[in-house]
Amino acid sequence: MESHTPKIEIEGKIKADEPFEVKISVGPHPNTIQHSIRKIDVYFYEDGKAFNPIYLASIILTPVYTEPEISLKLKVSKSGTLYVLEYCNLHGIWEGRKGIRVE
């Protein structure tokens, strides 16, 4: 069965202004020209910030040749929420989110 909601994985504790790895994946999902994940956008909503969200990354995916699995190194100074939007050419935009707690 196919899945559209982005999965967000973060390992370990997050410390202010220190890089940490985030893994994002979508699936299982078909990867054909007729039906595939074409784009992943990543945003961070920082607690207490006047203007949110902060745009972090955009990844364009080519069907057949690329899979909807990415890793990013991020650095944040405050806690907040990571938002991931993915675009399926057949079923539109789907959102996943994960809270980030800076220790």
PDB file of N, CA and C in Angstrom:
ATOM      1  N   MET A   1       0.843  -1.187   0.000  1.00  0.00           N
ATOM      2  CA  MET A   1       0.000   0.000   0.000  1.00  0.00           C
ATOM      3  C   MET A   1       0.886   1.248   0.000  1.00  0.00           C
ATOM      4  N   GLU A   2       0.531   2.222  -0.795  1.00  0.00           N
ATOM      5  CA  GLU A   2       1.348   3.433  -0.894  1.00  0.00           C
ATOM      6  C   GLU A   2       1.098   4.374   0.271  1.00  0.00           C
ATOM      7  N   SER A   3       2.105   5.196   0.545  1.00  0.00           N
ATOM      8  CA  SER A   3       2.052   6.162   1.630  1.00  0.00           C
ATOM      9  C   SER A   3       2.546   7.510   1.119  1.00  0.00           C
ATOM     10  N   HIS A   4       1.890   8.595   1.556  1.00  0.00           N
ATOM     11  CA  HIS A   4       2.266   9.931   1.097  1.00  0.00           C
ATOM     12  C   HIS A   4       2.861  10.816   2.195  1.00  0.00           C
ATOM     13  N   THR A   5       2.475  10.603   3.435  1.00  0.00           N
ATOM     14  CA  THR A   5       2.927  11.495   4.503  1.00  0.00           C
ATOM     15  C   THR A   5       4.430  11.358   4.714  1.00  0.00           C
ATOM     16  N   PRO A   6       5.179  12.472   4.641  1.00  0.00           N
ATOM     17  CA  PRO A   6       6.629  12.403   4.851  1.00  0.00           C
ATOM     18  C   PRO A   6       6.966  11.915   6.263  1.00  0.00           C
ATOM     19  N   LYS A   7       7.960  11.038   6.343  1.00  0.00           N
ATOM     20  CA  LYS A   7       8.468  10.555   7.624  1.00  0.00           C
ATOM     21  C   LYS A   7       9.744  11.330   7.934  1.00  0.00           C
ATOM     22  N   ILE A   8       9.855  11.819   9.167  1.00  0.00           N
ATOM     23  CA  ILE A   8      11.006  12.627   9.588  1.00  0.00           C
ATOM     24  C   ILE A   8      11.687  11.904  10.741  1.00  0.00           C
ATOM     25  N   GLU A   9      12.979  11.636  10.578  1.00  0.00           N
ATOM     26  CA  GLU A   9      13.748  10.961  11.623  1.00  0.00           C
ATOM     27  C   GLU A   9      14.904  11.848  12.067  1.00  0.00           C
ATOM     28  N   ILE A  10      15.036  11.983  13.381  1.00  0.00           N
ATOM     29  CA  ILE A  10      16.147  12.732  13.974  1.00  0.00           C
ATOM     30  C   ILE A  10      16.718  11.860  15.082  1.00  0.00           C
ATOM     31  N   GLU A  11      18.025  11.608  15.022  1.00  0.00           N
ATOM     32  CA  GLU A  11      18.653  10.773  16.045  1.00  0.00           C
ATOM     33  C   GLU A  11      19.431  11.633  17.030  1.00  0.00           C
ATOM     34  N   GLY A  12      19.389  11.230  18.281  1.00  0.00           N
ATOM     35  CA  GLY A  12      20.187  11.891  19.301  1.00  0.00           C
ATOM     36  C   GLY A  12      19.579  13.186  19.803  1.00  0.00           C
ATOM     37  N   LYS A  13      20.333  13.837  20.685  1.00  0.00           N
ATOM     38  CA  LYS A  13      19.899  15.095  21.279  1.00  0.00           C
ATOM     39  C   LYS A  13      20.330  16.256  20.392  1.00  0.00           C
ATOM     40  N   ILE A  14      19.513  17.296  20.382  1.00  0.00           N
ATOM     41  CA  ILE A  14      19.803  18.476  19.577  1.00  0.00           C
ATOM     42  C   ILE A  14      20.316  19.572  20.500  1.00  0.00           C
ATOM     43  N   LYS A  15      21.497  20.081  20.168  1.00  0.00           N
ATOM     44  CA  LYS A  15      22.114  21.154  20.950  1.00  0.00           C
ATOM     45  C   LYS A  15      22.109  22.428  20.123  1.00  0.00           C
ATOM     46  N   ALA A  16      21.915  23.558  20.789  1.00  0.00           N
ATOM     47  CA  ALA A  16      21.849  24.849  20.111  1.00  0.00           C
ATOM     48  C   ALA A  16      23.078  25.086  19.245  1.00  0.00           C
ATOM     49  N   ASP A  17      22.833  25.495  18.011  1.00  0.00           N
ATOM     50  CA  ASP A  17      23.862  25.880  17.047  1.00  0.00           C
ATOM     51  C   ASP A  17      24.862  24.777  16.700  1.00  0.00           C
ATOM     52  N   GLU A  18      24.492  23.511  16.921  1.00  0.00           N
ATOM     53  CA  GLU A  18      25.340  22.387  16.527  1.00  0.00           C
ATOM     54  C   GLU A  18      24.620  21.573  15.455  1.00  0.00           C
ATOM     55  N   PRO A  19      25.330  21.172  14.396  1.00  0.00           N
ATOM     56  CA  PRO A  19      24.688  20.418  13.317  1.00  0.00           C
ATOM     57  C   PRO A  19      24.124  19.074  13.790  1.00  0.00           C
ATOM     58  N   PHE A  20      22.985  18.714  13.222  1.00  0.00           N
ATOM     59  CA  PHE A  20      22.378  17.410  13.469  1.00  0.00           C
ATOM     60  C   PHE A  20      21.773  16.924  12.160  1.00  0.00           C
ATOM     61  N   GLU A  21      21.636  15.609  12.049  1.00  0.00           N
ATOM     62  CA  GLU A  21      21.142  15.037  10.801  1.00  0.00           C
ATOM     63  C   GLU A  21      19.642  14.750  10.876  1.00  0.00           C
ATOM     64  N   VAL A  22      18.976  15.073   9.783  1.00  0.00           N
ATOM     65  CA  VAL A  22      17.554  14.805   9.619  1.00  0.00           C
ATOM     66  C   VAL A  22      17.398  13.933   8.386  1.00  0.00           C
ATOM     67  N   LYS A  23      16.665  12.827   8.532  1.00  0.00           N
ATOM     68  CA  LYS A  23      16.370  11.950   7.404  1.00  0.00           C
ATOM     69  C   LYS A  23      14.884  12.065   7.091  1.00  0.00           C
ATOM     70  N   ILE A  24      14.583  12.264   5.816  1.00  0.00           N
ATOM     71  CA  ILE A  24      13.204  12.424   5.363  1.00  0.00           C
ATOM     72  C   ILE A  24      12.944  11.395   4.274  1.00  0.00           C
ATOM     73  N   SER A  25      11.809  10.707   4.395  1.00  0.00           N
ATOM     74  CA  SER A  25      11.457   9.728   3.372  1.00  0.00           C
ATOM     75  C   SER A  25       9.948   9.723   3.162  1.00  0.00           C
ATOM     76  N   VAL A  26       9.551   9.262   1.981  1.00  0.00           N
ATOM     77  CA  VAL A  26       8.139   9.103   1.650  1.00  0.00           C
ATOM     78  C   VAL A  26       7.990   7.708   1.067  1.00  0.00           C
ATOM     79  N   GLY A  27       7.040   6.962   1.595  1.00  0.00           N
ATOM     80  CA  GLY A  27       6.834   5.661   0.991  1.00  0.00           C
ATOM     81  C   GLY A  27       6.447   4.608   1.998  1.00  0.00           C
ATOM     82  N   PRO A  28       6.199   3.428   1.479  1.00  0.00           N
ATOM     83  CA  PRO A  28       6.421   3.054   0.092  1.00  0.00           C
ATOM     84  C   PRO A  28       5.493   3.827  -0.861  1.00  0.00           C
ATOM     85  N   HIS A  29       6.019   4.131  -2.043  1.00  0.00           N
ATOM     86  CA  HIS A  29       5.279   4.922  -3.025  1.00  0.00           C
ATOM     87  C   HIS A  29       5.776   4.558  -4.414  1.00  0.00           C
ATOM     88  N   PRO A  30       4.876   4.510  -5.412  1.00  0.00           N
ATOM     89  CA  PRO A  30       5.327   4.246  -6.779  1.00  0.00           C
ATOM     90  C   PRO A  30       6.339   5.295  -7.248  1.00  0.00           C
ATOM     91  N   ASN A  31       7.199   4.916  -8.169  1.00  0.00           N
ATOM     92  CA  ASN A  31       8.196   5.839  -8.702  1.00  0.00           C
ATOM     93  C   ASN A  31       8.258   5.704 -10.226  1.00  0.00           C
ATOM     94  N   THR A  32       7.123   6.017 -10.851  1.00  0.00           N
ATOM     95  CA  THR A  32       7.019   5.953 -12.305  1.00  0.00           C
ATOM     96  C   THR A  32       6.758   7.349 -12.853  1.00  0.00           C
ATOM     97  N   ILE A  33       6.884   7.504 -14.143  1.00  0.00           N
ATOM     98  CA  ILE A  33       6.585   8.799 -14.755  1.00  0.00           C
ATOM     99  C   ILE A  33       5.124   9.162 -14.525  1.00  0.00           C
ATOM    100  N   GLN A  34       4.246   8.168 -14.507  1.00  0.00           N
ATOM    101  CA  GLN A  34       2.818   8.418 -14.327  1.00  0.00           C
ATOM    102  C   GLN A  34       2.439   8.746 -12.878  1.00  0.00           C
ATOM    103  N   HIS A  35       3.245   8.273 -11.912  1.00  0.00           N
ATOM    104  CA  HIS A  35       2.883   8.452 -10.502  1.00  0.00           C
ATOM    105  C   HIS A  35       4.155   8.428  -9.655  1.00  0.00           C
ATOM    106  N   SER A  36       4.536   9.594  -9.115  1.00  0.00           N
ATOM    107  CA  SER A  36       5.763   9.656  -8.310  1.00  0.00           C
ATOM    108  C   SER A  36       5.797  10.913  -7.451  1.00  0.00           C
ATOM    109  N   ILE A  37       6.712  10.907  -6.484  1.00  0.00           N
ATOM    110  CA  ILE A  37       6.985  12.085  -5.658  1.00  0.00           C
ATOM    111  C   ILE A  37       7.943  12.960  -6.458  1.00  0.00           C
ATOM    112  N   ARG A  38       7.566  14.218  -6.673  1.00  0.00           N
ATOM    113  CA  ARG A  38       8.359  15.103  -7.527  1.00  0.00           C
ATOM    114  C   ARG A  38       9.142  16.171  -6.759  1.00  0.00           C
ATOM    115  N   LYS A  39       8.701  16.489  -5.522  1.00  0.00           N
ATOM    116  CA  LYS A  39       9.357  17.584  -4.803  1.00  0.00           C
ATOM    117  C   LYS A  39       9.198  17.413  -3.305  1.00  0.00           C
ATOM    118  N   ILE A  40      10.232  17.798  -2.555  1.00  0.00           N
ATOM    119  CA  ILE A  40      10.190  17.830  -1.095  1.00  0.00           C
ATOM    120  C   ILE A  40      10.681  19.211  -0.645  1.00  0.00           C
ATOM    121  N   ASP A  41       9.878  19.896   0.164  1.00  0.00           N
ATOM    122  CA  ASP A  41      10.238  21.201   0.729  1.00  0.00           C
ATOM    123  C   ASP A  41      10.339  21.072   2.242  1.00  0.00           C
ATOM    124  N   VAL A  42      11.332  21.752   2.827  1.00  0.00           N
ATOM    125  CA  VAL A  42      11.568  21.663   4.268  1.00  0.00           C
ATOM    126  C   VAL A  42      11.558  23.071   4.869  1.00  0.00           C
ATOM    127  N   TYR A  43      10.795  23.222   5.973  1.00  0.00           N
ATOM    128  CA  TYR A  43      10.658  24.504   6.668  1.00  0.00           C
ATOM    129  C   TYR A  43      10.842  24.272   8.172  1.00  0.00           C
ATOM    130  N   PHE A  44      11.251  25.335   8.871  1.00  0.00           N
ATOM    131  CA  PHE A  44      11.372  25.281  10.323  1.00  0.00           C
ATOM    132  C   PHE A  44      10.605  26.443  10.930  1.00  0.00           C
ATOM    133  N   TYR A  45       9.693  26.143  11.850  1.00  0.00           N
ATOM    134  CA  TYR A  45       8.943  27.143  12.596  1.00  0.00           C
ATOM    135  C   TYR A  45       9.603  27.271  13.953  1.00  0.00           C
ATOM    136  N   GLU A  46      10.344  28.359  14.150  1.00  0.00           N
ATOM    137  CA  GLU A  46      11.108  28.567  15.383  1.00  0.00           C
ATOM    138  C   GLU A  46      10.229  29.179  16.467  1.00  0.00           C
ATOM    139  N   ASP A  47      10.206  28.560  17.635  1.00  0.00           N
ATOM    140  CA  ASP A  47       9.421  29.074  18.756  1.00  0.00           C
ATOM    141  C   ASP A  47       9.853  30.504  19.089  1.00  0.00           C
ATOM    142  N   GLY A  48       8.879  31.404  19.221  1.00  0.00           N
ATOM    143  CA  GLY A  48       9.153  32.768  19.640  1.00  0.00           C
ATOM    144  C   GLY A  48       9.638  33.700  18.541  1.00  0.00           C
ATOM    145  N   LYS A  49       9.806  33.225  17.339  1.00  0.00           N
ATOM    146  CA  LYS A  49      10.287  34.072  16.228  1.00  0.00           C
ATOM    147  C   LYS A  49       9.109  34.844  15.636  1.00  0.00           C
ATOM    148  N   ALA A  50       9.327  36.101  15.346  1.00  0.00           N
ATOM    149  CA  ALA A  50       8.262  36.953  14.828  1.00  0.00           C
ATOM    150  C   ALA A  50       7.811  36.541  13.427  1.00  0.00           C
ATOM    151  N   PHE A  51       8.735  36.180  12.580  1.00  0.00           N
ATOM    152  CA  PHE A  51       8.391  35.841  11.202  1.00  0.00           C
ATOM    153  C   PHE A  51       8.750  34.392  10.919  1.00  0.00           C
ATOM    154  N   ASN A  52       7.731  33.560  10.733  1.00  0.00           N
ATOM    155  CA  ASN A  52       7.887  32.131  10.506  1.00  0.00           C
ATOM    156  C   ASN A  52       7.073  31.725   9.295  1.00  0.00           C
ATOM    157  N   PRO A  53       7.328  30.596   8.679  1.00  0.00           N
ATOM    158  CA  PRO A  53       8.419  29.667   8.942  1.00  0.00           C
ATOM    159  C   PRO A  53       9.692  30.090   8.220  1.00  0.00           C
ATOM    160  N   ILE A  54      10.786  29.421   8.542  1.00  0.00           N
ATOM    161  CA  ILE A  54      12.074  29.636   7.893  1.00  0.00           C
ATOM    162  C   ILE A  54      12.209  28.570   6.808  1.00  0.00           C
ATOM    163  N   TYR A  55      12.431  29.008   5.586  1.00  0.00           N
ATOM    164  CA  TYR A  55      12.604  28.085   4.457  1.00  0.00           C
ATOM    165  C   TYR A  55      14.003  27.482   4.531  1.00  0.00           C
ATOM    166  N   LEU A  56      14.107  26.150   4.522  1.00  0.00           N
ATOM    167  CA  LEU A  56      15.394  25.483   4.665  1.00  0.00           C
ATOM    168  C   LEU A  56      15.902  24.837   3.381  1.00  0.00           C
ATOM    169  N   ALA A  57      15.023  24.123   2.673  1.00  0.00           N
ATOM    170  CA  ALA A  57      15.502  23.395   1.490  1.00  0.00           C
ATOM    171  C   ALA A  57      14.348  23.010   0.586  1.00  0.00           C
ATOM    172  N   SER A  58      14.687  22.797  -0.682  1.00  0.00           N
ATOM    173  CA  SER A  58      13.749  22.288  -1.665  1.00  0.00           C
ATOM    174  C   SER A  58      14.502  21.297  -2.540  1.00  0.00           C
ATOM    175  N   ILE A  59      13.940  20.119  -2.712  1.00  0.00           N
ATOM    176  CA  ILE A  59      14.587  19.069  -3.487  1.00  0.00           C
ATOM    177  C   ILE A  59      13.629  18.653  -4.592  1.00  0.00           C
ATOM    178  N   ILE A  60      14.083  18.754  -5.839  1.00  0.00           N
ATOM    179  CA  ILE A  60      13.309  18.319  -6.991  1.00  0.00           C
ATOM    180  C   ILE A  60      13.736  16.885  -7.310  1.00  0.00           C
ATOM    181  N   LEU A  61      12.762  15.999  -7.490  1.00  0.00           N
ATOM    182  CA  LEU A  61      13.040  14.594  -7.756  1.00  0.00           C
ATOM    183  C   LEU A  61      12.577  14.221  -9.167  1.00  0.00           C
ATOM    184  N   THR A  62      13.382  13.443  -9.844  1.00  0.00           N
ATOM    185  CA  THR A  62      13.049  12.964 -11.178  1.00  0.00           C
ATOM    186  C   THR A  62      12.547  11.529 -11.060  1.00  0.00           C
ATOM    187  N   PRO A  63      11.350  11.247 -11.602  1.00  0.00           N
ATOM    188  CA  PRO A  63      10.829   9.890 -11.491  1.00  0.00           C
ATOM    189  C   PRO A  63      11.765   8.864 -12.120  1.00  0.00           C
ATOM    190  N   VAL A  64      11.698   7.667 -11.617  1.00  0.00           N
ATOM    191  CA  VAL A  64      12.475   6.503 -12.028  1.00  0.00           C
ATOM    192  C   VAL A  64      13.911   6.585 -11.514  1.00  0.00           C
ATOM    193  N   TYR A  65      14.593   7.717 -11.657  1.00  0.00           N
ATOM    194  CA  TYR A  65      16.010   7.854 -11.329  1.00  0.00           C
ATOM    195  C   TYR A  65      16.291   8.208  -9.876  1.00  0.00           C
ATOM    196  N   THR A  66      15.347   8.864  -9.191  1.00  0.00           N
ATOM    197  CA  THR A  66      15.575   9.270  -7.800  1.00  0.00           C
ATOM    198  C   THR A  66      14.464   8.741  -6.902  1.00  0.00           C
ATOM    199  N   GLU A  67      14.828   8.445  -5.664  1.00  0.00           N
ATOM    200  CA  GLU A  67      13.867   7.984  -4.668  1.00  0.00           C
ATOM    201  C   GLU A  67      13.602   9.115  -3.675  1.00  0.00           C
ATOM    202  N   PRO A  68      12.397   9.171  -3.094  1.00  0.00           N
ATOM    203  CA  PRO A  68      12.071  10.230  -2.145  1.00  0.00           C
ATOM    204  C   PRO A  68      12.640   9.961  -0.753  1.00  0.00           C
ATOM    205  N   GLU A  69      13.962   9.931  -0.676  1.00  0.00           N
ATOM    206  CA  GLU A  69      14.677   9.765   0.589  1.00  0.00           C
ATOM    207  C   GLU A  69      15.852  10.729   0.587  1.00  0.00           C
ATOM    208  N   ILE A  70      15.889  11.627   1.571  1.00  0.00           N
ATOM    209  CA  ILE A  70      16.963  12.616   1.637  1.00  0.00           C
ATOM    210  C   ILE A  70      17.492  12.721   3.059  1.00  0.00           C
ATOM    211  N   SER A  71      18.717  13.226   3.180  1.00  0.00           N
ATOM    212  CA  SER A  71      19.316  13.542   4.479  1.00  0.00           C
ATOM    213  C   SER A  71      19.816  14.972   4.423  1.00  0.00           C
ATOM    214  N   LEU A  72      19.596  15.698   5.502  1.00  0.00           N
ATOM    215  CA  LEU A  72      20.057  17.078   5.610  1.00  0.00           C
ATOM    216  C   LEU A  72      20.782  17.267   6.928  1.00  0.00           C
ATOM    217  N   LYS A  73      21.772  18.138   6.941  1.00  0.00           N
ATOM    218  CA  LYS A  73      22.401  18.587   8.184  1.00  0.00           C
ATOM    219  C   LYS A  73      21.814  19.959   8.485  1.00  0.00           C
ATOM    220  N   LEU A  74      21.225  20.090   9.666  1.00  0.00           N
ATOM    221  CA  LEU A  74      20.614  21.351  10.073  1.00  0.00           C
ATOM    222  C   LEU A  74      21.266  21.869  11.345  1.00  0.00           C
ATOM    223  N   LYS A  75      21.111  23.178  11.568  1.00  0.00           N
ATOM    224  CA  LYS A  75      21.558  23.830  12.801  1.00  0.00           C
ATOM    225  C   LYS A  75      20.459  24.789  13.225  1.00  0.00           C
ATOM    226  N   VAL A  76      19.999  24.669  14.456  1.00  0.00           N
ATOM    227  CA  VAL A  76      19.005  25.598  14.991  1.00  0.00           C
ATOM    228  C   VAL A  76      19.482  26.089  16.351  1.00  0.00           C
ATOM    229  N   SER A  77      19.004  27.261  16.737  1.00  0.00           N
ATOM    230  CA  SER A  77      19.405  27.780  18.041  1.00  0.00           C
ATOM    231  C   SER A  77      18.283  27.664  19.066  1.00  0.00           C
ATOM    232  N   LYS A  78      17.044  27.495  18.580  1.00  0.00           N
ATOM    233  CA  LYS A  78      15.891  27.391  19.477  1.00  0.00           C
ATOM    234  C   LYS A  78      15.019  26.215  19.066  1.00  0.00           C
ATOM    235  N   SER A  79      14.172  25.788  19.971  1.00  0.00           N
ATOM    236  CA  SER A  79      13.228  24.718  19.687  1.00  0.00           C
ATOM    237  C   SER A  79      12.180  25.199  18.689  1.00  0.00           C
ATOM    238  N   GLY A  80      11.464  24.242  18.098  1.00  0.00           N
ATOM    239  CA  GLY A  80      10.422  24.591  17.141  1.00  0.00           C
ATOM    240  C   GLY A  80       9.862  23.348  16.486  1.00  0.00           C
ATOM    241  N   THR A  81       9.321  23.522  15.287  1.00  0.00           N
ATOM    242  CA  THR A  81       8.712  22.423  14.549  1.00  0.00           C
ATOM    243  C   THR A  81       9.257  22.384  13.138  1.00  0.00           C
ATOM    244  N   LEU A  82       9.672  21.201  12.712  1.00  0.00           N
ATOM    245  CA  LEU A  82      10.137  20.986  11.352  1.00  0.00           C
ATOM    246  C   LEU A  82       8.935  20.545  10.520  1.00  0.00           C
ATOM    247  N   TYR A  83       8.698  21.227   9.407  1.00  0.00           N
ATOM    248  CA  TYR A  83       7.604  20.902   8.497  1.00  0.00           C
ATOM    249  C   TYR A  83       8.190  20.414   7.180  1.00  0.00           C
ATOM    250  N   VAL A  84       7.644  19.315   6.673  1.00  0.00           N
ATOM    251  CA  VAL A  84       8.068  18.788   5.380  1.00  0.00           C
ATOM    252  C   VAL A  84       6.826  18.657   4.504  1.00  0.00           C
ATOM    253  N   LEU A  85       6.885  19.274   3.327  1.00  0.00           N
ATOM    254  CA  LEU A  85       5.822  19.161   2.346  1.00  0.00           C
ATOM    255  C   LEU A  85       6.350  18.343   1.184  1.00  0.00           C
ATOM    256  N   GLU A  86       5.549  17.392   0.709  1.00  0.00           N
ATOM    257  CA  GLU A  86       5.950  16.633  -0.468  1.00  0.00           C
ATOM    258  C   GLU A  86       4.850  16.734  -1.504  1.00  0.00           C
ATOM    259  N   TYR A  87       5.265  16.722  -2.764  1.00  0.00           N
ATOM    260  CA  TYR A  87       4.313  16.831  -3.861  1.00  0.00           C
ATOM    261  C   TYR A  87       4.301  15.546  -4.678  1.00  0.00           C
ATOM    262  N   CYS A  88       3.144  14.904  -4.731  1.00  0.00           N
ATOM    263  CA  CYS A  88       2.908  13.726  -5.570  1.00  0.00           C
ATOM    264  C   CYS A  88       2.180  14.224  -6.819  1.00  0.00           C
ATOM    265  N   ASN A  89       2.676  13.842  -7.995  1.00  0.00           N
ATOM    266  CA  ASN A  89       2.069  14.364  -9.224  1.00  0.00           C
ATOM    267  C   ASN A  89       0.624  13.882  -9.425  1.00  0.00           C
ATOM    268  N   LEU A  90       0.200  12.859  -8.709  1.00  0.00           N
ATOM    269  CA  LEU A  90      -1.167  12.356  -8.844  1.00  0.00           C
ATOM    270  C   LEU A  90      -2.079  12.789  -7.689  1.00  0.00           C
ATOM    271  N   HIS A  91      -1.527  12.900  -6.466  1.00  0.00           N
ATOM    272  CA  HIS A  91      -2.349  13.136  -5.279  1.00  0.00           C
ATOM    273  C   HIS A  91      -2.073  14.446  -4.548  1.00  0.00           C
ATOM    274  N   GLY A  92      -1.238  15.315  -5.123  1.00  0.00           N
ATOM    275  CA  GLY A  92      -1.044  16.645  -4.566  1.00  0.00           C
ATOM    276  C   GLY A  92      -0.051  16.720  -3.416  1.00  0.00           C
ATOM    277  N   ILE A  93      -0.250  17.722  -2.556  1.00  0.00           N
ATOM    278  CA  ILE A  93       0.691  18.051  -1.480  1.00  0.00           C
ATOM    279  C   ILE A  93       0.289  17.371  -0.178  1.00  0.00           C
ATOM    280  N   TRP A  94       1.303  16.807   0.508  1.00  0.00           N
ATOM    281  CA  TRP A  94       1.114  16.146   1.803  1.00  0.00           C
ATOM    282  C   TRP A  94       2.124  16.719   2.788  1.00  0.00           C
ATOM    283  N   GLU A  95       1.746  16.777   4.059  1.00  0.00           N
ATOM    284  CA  GLU A  95       2.599  17.382   5.087  1.00  0.00           C
ATOM    285  C   GLU A  95       2.945  16.407   6.196  1.00  0.00           C
ATOM    286  N   GLY A  96       4.189  16.501   6.642  1.00  0.00           N
ATOM    287  CA  GLY A  96       4.638  15.814   7.844  1.00  0.00           C
ATOM    288  C   GLY A  96       5.282  16.847   8.747  1.00  0.00           C
ATOM    289  N   ARG A  97       5.253  16.632  10.049  1.00  0.00           N
ATOM    290  CA  ARG A  97       5.887  17.587  10.973  1.00  0.00           C
ATOM    291  C   ARG A  97       6.466  16.846  12.163  1.00  0.00           C
ATOM    292  N   LYS A  98       7.502  17.464  12.738  1.00  0.00           N
ATOM    293  CA  LYS A  98       8.137  16.873  13.905  1.00  0.00           C
ATOM    294  C   LYS A  98       8.662  17.997  14.793  1.00  0.00           C
ATOM    295  N   GLY A  99       8.348  17.890  16.085  1.00  0.00           N
ATOM    296  CA  GLY A  99       8.862  18.863  17.034  1.00  0.00           C
ATOM    297  C   GLY A  99      10.351  18.678  17.263  1.00  0.00           C
ATOM    298  N   ILE A 100      11.056  19.784  17.410  1.00  0.00           N
ATOM    299  CA  ILE A 100      12.491  19.766  17.690  1.00  0.00           C
ATOM    300  C   ILE A 100      12.704  20.485  19.021  1.00  0.00           C
ATOM    301  N   ARG A 101      13.325  19.785  19.955  1.00  0.00           N
ATOM    302  CA  ARG A 101      13.600  20.377  21.265  1.00  0.00           C
ATOM    303  C   ARG A 101      15.093  20.553  21.439  1.00  0.00           C
ATOM    304  N   VAL A 102      15.512  21.795  21.540  1.00  0.00           N
ATOM    305  CA  VAL A 102      16.919  22.111  21.758  1.00  0.00           C
ATOM    306  C   VAL A 102      17.224  21.991  23.239  1.00  0.00           C
ATOM    307  N   GLU A 103      18.304  21.246  23.537  1.00  0.00           N
ATOM    308  CA  GLU A 103      18.683  21.051  24.937  1.00  0.00           C
ATOM    309  C   GLU A 103      19.881  21.888  25.295  1.00  0.00           C
TER     310      GLU A 103
END
